[in-house]
Amino acid sequence: MFTGLIEEVGTLRRIERAGTAARLVVGSGLPLESIALGDSVAVNGACLTVVARGAGELTFDASPETLERTTLGTLSPGARVNLERALRLGDRLGGHIVTGHVDFIATVSERREVSGNIVFGFRIPPKFARYLVAKGSVAIDGISLTVNTVSGDGFTVNIIPHTAVMTTLSAARPGDRMNIETDILGKYVERLLGGDTPERRGDGVSLELLAKSGFL
């Protein structure tokens, strides 16, 4: 479990293919003495397991499922990635509850400057729009952010200068693809109040309706 507060921006040094799986070697300045083999680290929002460490590097294995559902498989050496170690019991939850399980990939549709901030727009698969609520939480490449607006096939967020500098968002441009994890609380509420998920039944509870009703 994570908070969506990025600790460091690392650099992908190598990606070693093994069929439809891969091994990622990431240059990192995180304190290696605090990271054990088998620990979880979120890499651009995807929860990966540390399989080797040393000399300023962390190594992760990425399964075919992970590469298919995230952007990790499309990265090239030199790419910058957001890193966050797993939450420890007793740590402050400064962002929101992030599992590291990416729901879908979104595409940056706009970037504009507003009073020193950056407003990003994202295009998303329409079926996922119900999981986004204005003023709710979303993780974009592992970064905990507040949703500004939601439409049928997109949403916007506002990035303050500190967040832009401390994450990979400072370099994001229209056309870039990013990992999205919606708020897990909304998904559980939908499941509990609506029975089976909409993917299975073709219906479901609107999270916007739940928010207006005071459930979210």
N, C-alpha and C. Protein backbone atom coordinates (compact mmCIF):
# COMPACT_ATOMS: atom_id res chain seq x y z
N MET A 1 0.83 -1.18 0.00
CA MET A 1 0.00 0.00 0.00
C MET A 1 0.88 1.25 0.00
N PHE A 2 0.40 2.29 -0.69
CA PHE A 2 1.18 3.52 -0.85
C PHE A 2 0.29 4.73 -0.58
N THR A 3 0.90 5.91 -0.60
CA THR A 3 0.15 7.14 -0.34
C THR A 3 0.04 8.03 -1.57
N GLY A 4 0.85 7.78 -2.58
CA GLY A 4 0.86 8.65 -3.75
C GLY A 4 1.73 9.87 -3.58
N LEU A 5 2.52 9.92 -2.50
CA LEU A 5 3.49 10.99 -2.31
C LEU A 5 4.85 10.49 -2.79
N ILE A 6 5.31 11.01 -3.91
CA ILE A 6 6.54 10.51 -4.55
C ILE A 6 7.75 10.87 -3.70
N GLU A 7 8.61 9.88 -3.46
CA GLU A 7 9.82 10.10 -2.67
C GLU A 7 10.99 10.55 -3.53
N GLU A 8 11.03 10.03 -4.75
CA GLU A 8 12.17 10.32 -5.61
C GLU A 8 11.81 10.03 -7.07
N VAL A 9 12.45 10.77 -7.96
CA VAL A 9 12.37 10.44 -9.39
C VAL A 9 13.65 9.70 -9.76
N GLY A 10 13.51 8.43 -10.10
CA GLY A 10 14.66 7.63 -10.51
C GLY A 10 14.80 7.59 -12.01
N THR A 11 15.80 6.87 -12.49
CA THR A 11 16.08 6.77 -13.93
C THR A 11 16.18 5.30 -14.33
N LEU A 12 15.43 4.94 -15.35
CA LEU A 12 15.52 3.57 -15.86
C LEU A 12 16.87 3.39 -16.56
N ARG A 13 17.68 2.49 -16.05
CA ARG A 13 19.01 2.27 -16.63
C ARG A 13 18.99 1.14 -17.67
N ARG A 14 18.26 0.09 -17.37
CA ARG A 14 18.19 -1.02 -18.32
C ARG A 14 16.82 -1.68 -18.22
N ILE A 15 16.39 -2.23 -19.34
CA ILE A 15 15.20 -3.08 -19.33
C ILE A 15 15.57 -4.35 -20.10
N GLU A 16 15.53 -5.47 -19.40
CA GLU A 16 15.98 -6.75 -19.95
C GLU A 16 14.75 -7.61 -20.24
N ARG A 17 14.51 -7.88 -21.51
CA ARG A 17 13.33 -8.64 -21.91
C ARG A 17 13.54 -10.13 -21.69
N ALA A 18 12.45 -10.79 -21.28
CA ALA A 18 12.46 -12.25 -21.13
C ALA A 18 11.11 -12.75 -21.62
N GLY A 19 10.99 -12.91 -22.93
CA GLY A 19 9.71 -13.25 -23.51
C GLY A 19 8.76 -12.08 -23.37
N THR A 20 7.60 -12.31 -22.75
CA THR A 20 6.64 -11.22 -22.54
C THR A 20 6.78 -10.60 -21.15
N ALA A 21 7.79 -11.00 -20.40
CA ALA A 21 8.11 -10.40 -19.11
C ALA A 21 9.36 -9.53 -19.28
N ALA A 22 9.76 -8.86 -18.21
CA ALA A 22 10.95 -8.01 -18.29
C ALA A 22 11.52 -7.77 -16.90
N ARG A 23 12.78 -7.43 -16.88
CA ARG A 23 13.44 -7.01 -15.65
C ARG A 23 13.86 -5.56 -15.82
N LEU A 24 13.49 -4.70 -14.86
CA LEU A 24 13.80 -3.28 -14.92
C LEU A 24 14.86 -2.95 -13.88
N VAL A 25 15.91 -2.27 -14.32
CA VAL A 25 16.96 -1.80 -13.42
C VAL A 25 16.86 -0.29 -13.35
N VAL A 26 16.60 0.21 -12.14
CA VAL A 26 16.33 1.64 -11.96
C VAL A 26 17.38 2.27 -11.07
N GLY A 27 18.00 3.34 -11.55
CA GLY A 27 18.92 4.10 -10.73
C GLY A 27 18.16 4.88 -9.69
N SER A 28 18.56 4.76 -8.42
CA SER A 28 17.80 5.38 -7.34
C SER A 28 18.70 5.86 -6.24
N GLY A 29 18.31 6.98 -5.65
CA GLY A 29 19.02 7.51 -4.50
C GLY A 29 18.32 7.20 -3.20
N LEU A 30 17.28 6.35 -3.24
CA LEU A 30 16.61 5.96 -2.00
C LEU A 30 17.60 5.22 -1.10
N PRO A 31 17.44 5.35 0.21
CA PRO A 31 18.37 4.66 1.13
C PRO A 31 18.24 3.15 1.01
N LEU A 32 19.23 2.52 0.39
CA LEU A 32 19.16 1.09 0.13
C LEU A 32 19.14 0.26 1.41
N GLU A 33 19.70 0.80 2.50
CA GLU A 33 19.70 0.04 3.75
C GLU A 33 18.29 -0.13 4.30
N SER A 34 17.36 0.70 3.82
CA SER A 34 15.97 0.59 4.30
C SER A 34 15.11 -0.26 3.38
N ILE A 35 15.71 -0.79 2.31
CA ILE A 35 14.97 -1.57 1.33
C ILE A 35 15.52 -2.99 1.29
N ALA A 36 14.67 -3.96 1.56
CA ALA A 36 15.10 -5.36 1.56
C ALA A 36 14.61 -6.06 0.30
N LEU A 37 15.26 -7.14 -0.05
CA LEU A 37 14.76 -7.96 -1.15
C LEU A 37 13.34 -8.42 -0.82
N GLY A 38 12.46 -8.31 -1.78
CA GLY A 38 11.07 -8.67 -1.55
C GLY A 38 10.19 -7.50 -1.16
N ASP A 39 10.79 -6.35 -0.88
CA ASP A 39 9.99 -5.16 -0.55
C ASP A 39 9.25 -4.66 -1.79
N SER A 40 8.17 -3.95 -1.54
CA SER A 40 7.39 -3.36 -2.63
C SER A 40 7.76 -1.90 -2.82
N VAL A 41 7.90 -1.52 -4.07
CA VAL A 41 8.14 -0.13 -4.44
C VAL A 41 7.23 0.21 -5.61
N ALA A 42 6.57 1.35 -5.55
CA ALA A 42 5.73 1.78 -6.67
C ALA A 42 6.62 2.48 -7.70
N VAL A 43 6.59 1.98 -8.93
CA VAL A 43 7.35 2.56 -10.03
C VAL A 43 6.34 3.10 -11.04
N ASN A 44 6.27 4.42 -11.13
CA ASN A 44 5.22 5.06 -11.95
C ASN A 44 3.84 4.52 -11.61
N GLY A 45 3.64 4.28 -10.33
CA GLY A 45 2.33 3.86 -9.85
C GLY A 45 2.07 2.37 -9.87
N ALA A 46 2.98 1.57 -10.41
CA ALA A 46 2.81 0.12 -10.45
C ALA A 46 3.62 -0.51 -9.32
N CYS A 47 2.97 -1.30 -8.51
CA CYS A 47 3.64 -1.96 -7.38
C CYS A 47 4.52 -3.08 -7.91
N LEU A 48 5.84 -2.95 -7.68
CA LEU A 48 6.80 -3.96 -8.11
C LEU A 48 7.60 -4.45 -6.92
N THR A 49 8.14 -5.66 -7.04
CA THR A 49 8.92 -6.27 -5.97
C THR A 49 10.41 -6.13 -6.25
N VAL A 50 11.14 -5.70 -5.24
CA VAL A 50 12.60 -5.57 -5.37
C VAL A 50 13.22 -6.97 -5.40
N VAL A 51 13.95 -7.28 -6.47
CA VAL A 51 14.59 -8.60 -6.59
C VAL A 51 16.11 -8.52 -6.49
N ALA A 52 16.65 -7.30 -6.57
CA ALA A 52 18.09 -7.09 -6.38
C ALA A 52 18.31 -5.62 -6.07
N ARG A 53 19.41 -5.31 -5.38
CA ARG A 53 19.71 -3.92 -5.05
C ARG A 53 21.21 -3.77 -4.85
N GLY A 54 21.68 -2.55 -5.03
CA GLY A 54 23.09 -2.28 -4.82
C GLY A 54 23.63 -1.27 -5.80
N ALA A 55 24.69 -0.57 -5.40
CA ALA A 55 25.38 0.40 -6.26
C ALA A 55 24.41 1.44 -6.84
N GLY A 56 23.49 1.92 -6.00
CA GLY A 56 22.56 2.94 -6.44
C GLY A 56 21.52 2.44 -7.42
N GLU A 57 21.23 1.15 -7.40
CA GLU A 57 20.26 0.57 -8.32
C GLU A 57 19.25 -0.31 -7.58
N LEU A 58 18.04 -0.32 -8.09
CA LEU A 58 17.01 -1.25 -7.65
C LEU A 58 16.55 -2.03 -8.87
N THR A 59 16.39 -3.34 -8.70
CA THR A 59 15.99 -4.19 -9.82
C THR A 59 14.63 -4.81 -9.52
N PHE A 60 13.76 -4.79 -10.52
CA PHE A 60 12.40 -5.30 -10.38
C PHE A 60 12.08 -6.25 -11.53
N ASP A 61 11.29 -7.26 -11.24
CA ASP A 61 10.73 -8.11 -12.28
C ASP A 61 9.32 -7.64 -12.58
N ALA A 62 8.98 -7.51 -13.86
CA ALA A 62 7.64 -7.11 -14.28
C ALA A 62 7.01 -8.25 -15.06
N SER A 63 5.86 -8.69 -14.61
CA SER A 63 5.17 -9.81 -15.24
C SER A 63 4.53 -9.37 -16.56
N PRO A 64 4.13 -10.32 -17.41
CA PRO A 64 3.43 -9.96 -18.64
C PRO A 64 2.17 -9.13 -18.36
N GLU A 65 1.44 -9.47 -17.29
CA GLU A 65 0.22 -8.72 -16.93
C GLU A 65 0.55 -7.26 -16.62
N THR A 66 1.63 -7.05 -15.85
CA THR A 66 2.03 -5.69 -15.51
C THR A 66 2.42 -4.90 -16.75
N LEU A 67 3.17 -5.52 -17.63
CA LEU A 67 3.60 -4.82 -18.85
C LEU A 67 2.43 -4.51 -19.77
N GLU A 68 1.43 -5.38 -19.75
CA GLU A 68 0.26 -5.16 -20.62
C GLU A 68 -0.64 -4.05 -20.10
N ARG A 69 -0.75 -3.93 -18.76
CA ARG A 69 -1.70 -2.99 -18.17
C ARG A 69 -1.11 -1.64 -17.83
N THR A 70 0.21 -1.49 -17.97
CA THR A 70 0.87 -0.24 -17.62
C THR A 70 1.75 0.23 -18.77
N THR A 71 2.37 1.38 -18.56
CA THR A 71 3.29 1.92 -19.57
C THR A 71 4.72 1.45 -19.37
N LEU A 72 4.98 0.63 -18.36
CA LEU A 72 6.37 0.27 -18.04
C LEU A 72 7.06 -0.42 -19.21
N GLY A 73 6.34 -1.22 -19.96
CA GLY A 73 6.95 -1.95 -21.06
C GLY A 73 7.33 -1.09 -22.24
N THR A 74 6.85 0.14 -22.27
CA THR A 74 7.16 1.05 -23.39
C THR A 74 8.29 2.01 -23.05
N LEU A 75 8.78 1.96 -21.81
CA LEU A 75 9.85 2.88 -21.42
C LEU A 75 11.19 2.47 -22.03
N SER A 76 12.03 3.46 -22.24
CA SER A 76 13.38 3.24 -22.77
C SER A 76 14.40 3.67 -21.73
N PRO A 77 15.62 3.11 -21.78
CA PRO A 77 16.67 3.55 -20.85
C PRO A 77 16.81 5.07 -20.87
N GLY A 78 16.93 5.63 -19.69
CA GLY A 78 17.00 7.08 -19.55
C GLY A 78 15.68 7.70 -19.12
N ALA A 79 14.60 6.94 -19.21
CA ALA A 79 13.29 7.45 -18.80
C ALA A 79 13.29 7.70 -17.30
N ARG A 80 12.65 8.79 -16.90
CA ARG A 80 12.51 9.12 -15.48
C ARG A 80 11.24 8.49 -14.94
N VAL A 81 11.32 7.93 -13.73
CA VAL A 81 10.18 7.23 -13.14
C VAL A 81 9.97 7.69 -11.70
N ASN A 82 8.71 7.79 -11.32
CA ASN A 82 8.35 8.14 -9.95
C ASN A 82 8.50 6.92 -9.04
N LEU A 83 9.13 7.12 -7.88
CA LEU A 83 9.36 6.02 -6.95
C LEU A 83 8.76 6.35 -5.58
N GLU A 84 8.14 5.34 -4.98
CA GLU A 84 7.65 5.47 -3.61
C GLU A 84 7.74 4.12 -2.92
N ARG A 85 8.37 4.10 -1.75
CA ARG A 85 8.40 2.87 -0.96
C ARG A 85 7.04 2.63 -0.33
N ALA A 86 6.77 1.36 0.01
CA ALA A 86 5.48 1.00 0.59
C ALA A 86 5.28 1.69 1.93
N LEU A 87 4.04 1.98 2.23
CA LEU A 87 3.66 2.63 3.48
C LEU A 87 3.94 1.71 4.66
N ARG A 88 4.52 2.28 5.72
CA ARG A 88 4.75 1.52 6.95
C ARG A 88 3.62 1.80 7.94
N LEU A 89 3.27 0.82 8.76
CA LEU A 89 2.25 1.00 9.77
C LEU A 89 2.66 2.15 10.69
N GLY A 90 1.80 3.13 10.84
CA GLY A 90 2.10 4.28 11.68
C GLY A 90 2.54 5.50 10.90
N ASP A 91 2.86 5.34 9.59
CA ASP A 91 3.22 6.49 8.77
C ASP A 91 2.02 7.39 8.55
N ARG A 92 2.30 8.66 8.27
CA ARG A 92 1.23 9.59 7.94
C ARG A 92 0.72 9.30 6.53
N LEU A 93 -0.59 9.35 6.38
CA LEU A 93 -1.21 9.16 5.08
C LEU A 93 -1.46 10.54 4.47
N GLY A 94 -0.41 11.09 3.85
CA GLY A 94 -0.50 12.46 3.35
C GLY A 94 -1.23 12.59 2.04
N GLY A 95 -1.30 11.50 1.26
CA GLY A 95 -2.00 11.56 -0.01
C GLY A 95 -3.35 10.88 0.12
N HIS A 96 -3.49 9.69 -0.51
CA HIS A 96 -4.67 8.86 -0.30
C HIS A 96 -4.24 7.41 -0.44
N ILE A 97 -5.14 6.49 -0.17
CA ILE A 97 -4.78 5.07 -0.22
C ILE A 97 -4.58 4.64 -1.67
N VAL A 98 -3.35 4.25 -1.98
CA VAL A 98 -2.99 3.81 -3.33
C VAL A 98 -2.47 2.38 -3.23
N THR A 99 -3.01 1.49 -4.05
CA THR A 99 -2.62 0.08 -3.97
C THR A 99 -1.43 -0.27 -4.87
N GLY A 100 -1.20 0.53 -5.90
CA GLY A 100 -0.17 0.18 -6.86
C GLY A 100 -0.66 -0.74 -7.95
N HIS A 101 -1.98 -0.90 -8.05
CA HIS A 101 -2.60 -1.74 -9.09
C HIS A 101 -3.25 -0.82 -10.11
N VAL A 102 -2.63 -0.68 -11.25
CA VAL A 102 -3.06 0.27 -12.27
C VAL A 102 -4.35 -0.21 -12.93
N ASP A 103 -5.32 0.70 -13.05
CA ASP A 103 -6.61 0.37 -13.66
C ASP A 103 -6.58 0.49 -15.17
N PHE A 104 -5.96 1.55 -15.68
CA PHE A 104 -5.93 1.77 -17.12
C PHE A 104 -4.86 2.81 -17.45
N ILE A 105 -4.63 2.99 -18.73
CA ILE A 105 -3.67 3.98 -19.22
C ILE A 105 -4.45 5.14 -19.84
N ALA A 106 -4.09 6.36 -19.46
CA ALA A 106 -4.72 7.57 -20.02
C ALA A 106 -3.69 8.31 -20.86
N THR A 107 -4.19 9.16 -21.74
CA THR A 107 -3.33 9.96 -22.61
C THR A 107 -3.51 11.44 -22.29
N VAL A 108 -2.40 12.14 -22.15
CA VAL A 108 -2.47 13.58 -21.90
C VAL A 108 -3.07 14.27 -23.12
N SER A 109 -4.16 14.99 -22.91
CA SER A 109 -4.84 15.66 -24.02
C SER A 109 -4.55 17.16 -24.06
N GLU A 110 -4.17 17.73 -22.92
CA GLU A 110 -3.84 19.15 -22.90
C GLU A 110 -2.93 19.47 -21.73
N ARG A 111 -2.18 20.53 -21.90
CA ARG A 111 -1.34 21.08 -20.84
C ARG A 111 -1.38 22.59 -20.98
N ARG A 112 -1.79 23.29 -19.92
CA ARG A 112 -1.82 24.74 -19.97
C ARG A 112 -1.42 25.34 -18.63
N GLU A 113 -0.77 26.48 -18.70
CA GLU A 113 -0.32 27.18 -17.51
C GLU A 113 -1.44 28.09 -17.00
N VAL A 114 -1.69 28.03 -15.69
CA VAL A 114 -2.69 28.89 -15.06
C VAL A 114 -2.13 29.42 -13.75
N SER A 115 -1.74 30.69 -13.75
CA SER A 115 -1.24 31.35 -12.53
C SER A 115 -0.10 30.57 -11.89
N GLY A 116 0.82 30.08 -12.71
CA GLY A 116 1.98 29.35 -12.20
C GLY A 116 1.74 27.88 -11.99
N ASN A 117 0.49 27.46 -12.03
CA ASN A 117 0.16 26.03 -11.94
C ASN A 117 0.06 25.44 -13.34
N ILE A 118 -0.04 24.13 -13.41
CA ILE A 118 -0.22 23.44 -14.69
C ILE A 118 -1.53 22.66 -14.62
N VAL A 119 -2.41 22.89 -15.58
CA VAL A 119 -3.64 22.12 -15.69
C VAL A 119 -3.45 21.09 -16.79
N PHE A 120 -3.63 19.82 -16.43
CA PHE A 120 -3.53 18.73 -17.39
C PHE A 120 -4.92 18.17 -17.66
N GLY A 121 -5.18 17.86 -18.92
CA GLY A 121 -6.37 17.11 -19.29
C GLY A 121 -5.95 15.74 -19.75
N PHE A 122 -6.79 14.73 -19.48
CA PHE A 122 -6.49 13.35 -19.85
C PHE A 122 -7.67 12.74 -20.58
N ARG A 123 -7.39 12.00 -21.64
CA ARG A 123 -8.38 11.18 -22.32
C ARG A 123 -8.34 9.79 -21.71
N ILE A 124 -9.52 9.24 -21.43
CA ILE A 124 -9.59 7.94 -20.78
C ILE A 124 -10.62 7.06 -21.48
N PRO A 125 -10.53 5.74 -21.31
CA PRO A 125 -11.60 4.87 -21.81
C PRO A 125 -12.90 5.24 -21.10
N PRO A 126 -13.98 5.53 -21.83
CA PRO A 126 -15.22 6.00 -21.22
C PRO A 126 -15.75 5.12 -20.09
N LYS A 127 -15.53 3.81 -20.16
CA LYS A 127 -16.09 2.93 -19.13
C LYS A 127 -15.50 3.18 -17.74
N PHE A 128 -14.37 3.87 -17.68
CA PHE A 128 -13.75 4.14 -16.38
C PHE A 128 -14.14 5.49 -15.80
N ALA A 129 -14.88 6.30 -16.55
CA ALA A 129 -15.22 7.64 -16.08
C ALA A 129 -16.03 7.60 -14.78
N ARG A 130 -16.81 6.55 -14.58
CA ARG A 130 -17.65 6.47 -13.38
C ARG A 130 -16.82 6.35 -12.10
N TYR A 131 -15.56 5.97 -12.21
CA TYR A 131 -14.71 5.84 -11.04
C TYR A 131 -14.02 7.14 -10.65
N LEU A 132 -14.29 8.20 -11.39
CA LEU A 132 -13.68 9.50 -11.11
C LEU A 132 -14.75 10.48 -10.67
N VAL A 133 -14.48 11.18 -9.58
CA VAL A 133 -15.43 12.13 -9.02
C VAL A 133 -14.72 13.47 -8.85
N ALA A 134 -15.36 14.55 -9.26
CA ALA A 134 -14.78 15.87 -9.07
C ALA A 134 -14.47 16.09 -7.59
N LYS A 135 -13.25 16.52 -7.31
CA LYS A 135 -12.70 16.73 -5.96
C LYS A 135 -12.38 15.43 -5.25
N GLY A 136 -12.47 14.31 -5.99
CA GLY A 136 -12.03 13.04 -5.44
C GLY A 136 -10.55 12.82 -5.74
N SER A 137 -10.04 11.65 -5.40
CA SER A 137 -8.62 11.36 -5.55
C SER A 137 -8.36 10.44 -6.74
N VAL A 138 -7.19 10.61 -7.34
CA VAL A 138 -6.73 9.75 -8.42
C VAL A 138 -5.21 9.69 -8.35
N ALA A 139 -4.63 8.55 -8.73
CA ALA A 139 -3.17 8.43 -8.80
C ALA A 139 -2.76 8.40 -10.27
N ILE A 140 -1.91 9.33 -10.66
CA ILE A 140 -1.42 9.43 -12.03
C ILE A 140 0.08 9.15 -12.01
N ASP A 141 0.49 8.05 -12.63
CA ASP A 141 1.89 7.59 -12.54
C ASP A 141 2.35 7.55 -11.09
N GLY A 142 1.42 7.14 -10.20
CA GLY A 142 1.75 6.99 -8.79
C GLY A 142 1.61 8.24 -7.96
N ILE A 143 1.23 9.37 -8.56
CA ILE A 143 1.15 10.64 -7.85
C ILE A 143 -0.28 10.87 -7.38
N SER A 144 -0.47 11.08 -6.09
CA SER A 144 -1.78 11.36 -5.55
C SER A 144 -2.21 12.77 -5.92
N LEU A 145 -3.35 12.87 -6.64
CA LEU A 145 -3.83 14.17 -7.10
C LEU A 145 -5.34 14.26 -6.89
N THR A 146 -5.83 15.50 -6.92
CA THR A 146 -7.26 15.76 -6.80
C THR A 146 -7.85 16.01 -8.18
N VAL A 147 -8.95 15.33 -8.46
CA VAL A 147 -9.64 15.51 -9.75
C VAL A 147 -10.34 16.86 -9.76
N ASN A 148 -10.10 17.64 -10.81
CA ASN A 148 -10.80 18.93 -10.95
C ASN A 148 -12.18 18.75 -11.58
N THR A 149 -12.18 18.23 -12.80
CA THR A 149 -13.43 18.04 -13.53
C THR A 149 -13.43 16.66 -14.18
N VAL A 150 -14.63 16.16 -14.46
CA VAL A 150 -14.79 14.86 -15.11
C VAL A 150 -15.80 14.99 -16.24
N SER A 151 -15.49 14.37 -17.37
CA SER A 151 -16.43 14.30 -18.49
C SER A 151 -16.62 12.83 -18.85
N GLY A 152 -17.33 12.58 -19.94
CA GLY A 152 -17.59 11.20 -20.32
C GLY A 152 -16.36 10.43 -20.72
N ASP A 153 -15.34 11.12 -21.22
CA ASP A 153 -14.14 10.42 -21.66
C ASP A 153 -12.86 11.14 -21.25
N GLY A 154 -12.93 11.85 -20.14
CA GLY A 154 -11.73 12.55 -19.70
C GLY A 154 -11.87 13.20 -18.34
N PHE A 155 -10.77 13.73 -17.84
CA PHE A 155 -10.78 14.46 -16.59
C PHE A 155 -9.59 15.43 -16.58
N THR A 156 -9.62 16.37 -15.65
CA THR A 156 -8.53 17.33 -15.52
C THR A 156 -8.02 17.35 -14.09
N VAL A 157 -6.76 17.74 -13.94
CA VAL A 157 -6.16 17.94 -12.63
C VAL A 157 -5.33 19.22 -12.66
N ASN A 158 -5.12 19.81 -11.50
CA ASN A 158 -4.28 21.00 -11.37
C ASN A 158 -3.01 20.63 -10.61
N ILE A 159 -1.87 20.97 -11.18
CA ILE A 159 -0.57 20.61 -10.59
C ILE A 159 0.10 21.87 -10.06
N ILE A 160 0.37 21.88 -8.76
CA ILE A 160 1.09 23.01 -8.18
C ILE A 160 2.57 22.89 -8.53
N PRO A 161 3.32 24.00 -8.49
CA PRO A 161 4.74 23.96 -8.88
C PRO A 161 5.56 22.92 -8.13
N HIS A 162 5.32 22.75 -6.83
CA HIS A 162 6.11 21.78 -6.05
C HIS A 162 5.92 20.38 -6.60
N THR A 163 4.68 20.00 -6.88
CA THR A 163 4.41 18.66 -7.41
C THR A 163 5.07 18.46 -8.77
N ALA A 164 5.01 19.48 -9.61
CA ALA A 164 5.62 19.38 -10.93
C ALA A 164 7.12 19.14 -10.82
N VAL A 165 7.78 19.88 -9.93
CA VAL A 165 9.24 19.77 -9.79
C VAL A 165 9.65 18.44 -9.18
N MET A 166 8.85 17.92 -8.26
CA MET A 166 9.24 16.72 -7.52
C MET A 166 8.82 15.42 -8.20
N THR A 167 8.17 15.51 -9.36
CA THR A 167 7.70 14.32 -10.06
C THR A 167 8.03 14.43 -11.55
N THR A 168 7.61 13.43 -12.29
CA THR A 168 7.84 13.44 -13.74
C THR A 168 6.87 14.34 -14.49
N LEU A 169 5.88 14.92 -13.80
CA LEU A 169 4.87 15.72 -14.48
C LEU A 169 5.43 16.99 -15.09
N SER A 170 6.56 17.46 -14.60
CA SER A 170 7.15 18.68 -15.16
C SER A 170 7.47 18.52 -16.64
N ALA A 171 7.74 17.28 -17.07
CA ALA A 171 8.12 17.03 -18.47
C ALA A 171 6.97 16.48 -19.29
N ALA A 172 5.79 16.27 -18.70
CA ALA A 172 4.67 15.66 -19.41
C ALA A 172 4.12 16.60 -20.48
N ARG A 173 3.78 16.03 -21.62
CA ARG A 173 3.27 16.81 -22.75
C ARG A 173 2.09 16.06 -23.37
N PRO A 174 1.23 16.78 -24.13
CA PRO A 174 0.13 16.10 -24.82
C PRO A 174 0.63 14.93 -25.67
N GLY A 175 -0.10 13.83 -25.58
CA GLY A 175 0.29 12.61 -26.29
C GLY A 175 0.97 11.61 -25.39
N ASP A 176 1.51 12.06 -24.25
CA ASP A 176 2.14 11.13 -23.32
C ASP A 176 1.08 10.22 -22.69
N ARG A 177 1.46 8.98 -22.40
CA ARG A 177 0.56 8.01 -21.79
C ARG A 177 0.98 7.77 -20.35
N MET A 178 -0.01 7.70 -19.45
CA MET A 178 0.28 7.58 -18.03
C MET A 178 -0.60 6.54 -17.36
N ASN A 179 -0.05 5.93 -16.30
CA ASN A 179 -0.78 4.93 -15.54
C ASN A 179 -1.77 5.60 -14.59
N ILE A 180 -2.99 5.08 -14.59
CA ILE A 180 -4.04 5.65 -13.74
C ILE A 180 -4.57 4.59 -12.78
N GLU A 181 -4.62 4.96 -11.50
CA GLU A 181 -5.31 4.13 -10.51
C GLU A 181 -6.39 4.98 -9.86
N THR A 182 -7.64 4.57 -10.00
CA THR A 182 -8.73 5.30 -9.39
C THR A 182 -8.83 4.94 -7.91
N ASP A 183 -9.62 5.71 -7.18
CA ASP A 183 -9.73 5.54 -5.74
C ASP A 183 -10.37 4.20 -5.41
N ILE A 184 -9.68 3.37 -4.66
CA ILE A 184 -10.18 2.03 -4.33
C ILE A 184 -11.44 2.09 -3.48
N LEU A 185 -11.63 3.16 -2.69
CA LEU A 185 -12.82 3.27 -1.87
C LEU A 185 -14.07 3.33 -2.73
N GLY A 186 -13.99 4.07 -3.83
CA GLY A 186 -15.13 4.16 -4.73
C GLY A 186 -15.47 2.82 -5.35
N LYS A 187 -14.45 2.04 -5.68
CA LYS A 187 -14.70 0.73 -6.29
C LYS A 187 -15.36 -0.23 -5.31
N TYR A 188 -14.94 -0.17 -4.05
CA TYR A 188 -15.57 -1.02 -3.05
C TYR A 188 -17.02 -0.61 -2.81
N VAL A 189 -17.28 0.71 -2.75
CA VAL A 189 -18.64 1.18 -2.54
C VAL A 189 -19.54 0.73 -3.69
N GLU A 190 -19.04 0.86 -4.92
CA GLU A 190 -19.81 0.42 -6.08
C GLU A 190 -20.12 -1.06 -5.98
N ARG A 191 -19.13 -1.84 -5.60
CA ARG A 191 -19.31 -3.29 -5.49
C ARG A 191 -20.34 -3.64 -4.44
N LEU A 192 -20.27 -2.97 -3.28
CA LEU A 192 -21.16 -3.30 -2.18
C LEU A 192 -22.60 -2.85 -2.45
N LEU A 193 -22.77 -1.71 -3.06
CA LEU A 193 -24.11 -1.18 -3.29
C LEU A 193 -24.71 -1.61 -4.61
N GLY A 194 -23.87 -1.99 -5.56
CA GLY A 194 -24.39 -2.33 -6.88
C GLY A 194 -24.30 -3.79 -7.23
N GLY A 195 -23.84 -4.62 -6.29
CA GLY A 195 -23.71 -6.04 -6.60
C GLY A 195 -22.49 -6.27 -7.47
N ASP A 196 -22.67 -7.04 -8.56
CA ASP A 196 -21.56 -7.33 -9.47
C ASP A 196 -21.10 -6.06 -10.14
N THR A 197 -19.85 -6.07 -10.61
CA THR A 197 -19.30 -4.90 -11.27
C THR A 197 -20.00 -4.65 -12.61
N PRO A 198 -20.02 -3.40 -13.09
CA PRO A 198 -20.66 -3.10 -14.37
C PRO A 198 -20.09 -3.89 -15.53
N GLU A 199 -18.80 -4.27 -15.47
CA GLU A 199 -18.22 -5.04 -16.56
C GLU A 199 -18.95 -6.39 -16.71
N ARG A 200 -19.46 -6.92 -15.61
CA ARG A 200 -20.09 -8.23 -15.63
C ARG A 200 -21.60 -8.14 -15.86
N ARG A 201 -22.23 -7.03 -15.35
CA ARG A 201 -23.68 -6.94 -15.42
C ARG A 201 -24.18 -5.91 -16.41
N GLY A 202 -23.31 -4.98 -16.79
CA GLY A 202 -23.75 -3.93 -17.71
C GLY A 202 -24.45 -2.79 -17.00
N ASP A 203 -24.40 -2.77 -15.65
CA ASP A 203 -24.98 -1.66 -14.92
C ASP A 203 -24.04 -1.32 -13.78
N GLY A 204 -24.52 -0.59 -12.79
CA GLY A 204 -23.67 -0.25 -11.66
C GLY A 204 -24.12 1.04 -11.03
N VAL A 205 -23.56 1.35 -9.88
CA VAL A 205 -23.92 2.56 -9.16
C VAL A 205 -23.01 3.70 -9.60
N SER A 206 -23.58 4.82 -9.94
CA SER A 206 -22.80 5.98 -10.34
C SER A 206 -22.08 6.55 -9.13
N LEU A 207 -20.75 6.69 -9.23
CA LEU A 207 -20.00 7.27 -8.12
C LEU A 207 -20.35 8.74 -7.94
N GLU A 208 -20.72 9.41 -9.02
CA GLU A 208 -21.14 10.80 -8.90
C GLU A 208 -22.41 10.89 -8.04
N LEU A 209 -23.35 9.95 -8.27
CA LEU A 209 -24.57 9.92 -7.47
C LEU A 209 -24.27 9.62 -6.03
N LEU A 210 -23.34 8.67 -5.80
CA LEU A 210 -22.96 8.34 -4.43
C LEU A 210 -22.34 9.54 -3.72
N ALA A 211 -21.51 10.28 -4.44
CA ALA A 211 -20.87 11.45 -3.85
C ALA A 211 -21.91 12.49 -3.47
N LYS A 212 -22.88 12.71 -4.33
CA LYS A 212 -23.93 13.69 -4.04
C LYS A 212 -24.82 13.23 -2.89
N SER A 213 -24.90 11.90 -2.70
CA SER A 213 -25.74 11.36 -1.63
C SER A 213 -25.03 11.31 -0.29
N GLY A 214 -23.73 11.64 -0.30
CA GLY A 214 -22.97 11.66 0.93
C GLY A 214 -22.26 10.38 1.28
N PHE A 215 -22.29 9.39 0.34
CA PHE A 215 -21.59 8.14 0.61
C PHE A 215 -20.10 8.27 0.41
N LEU A 216 -19.65 9.22 -0.45
CA LEU A 216 -18.23 9.41 -0.75
C LEU A 216 -17.79 10.78 -0.32
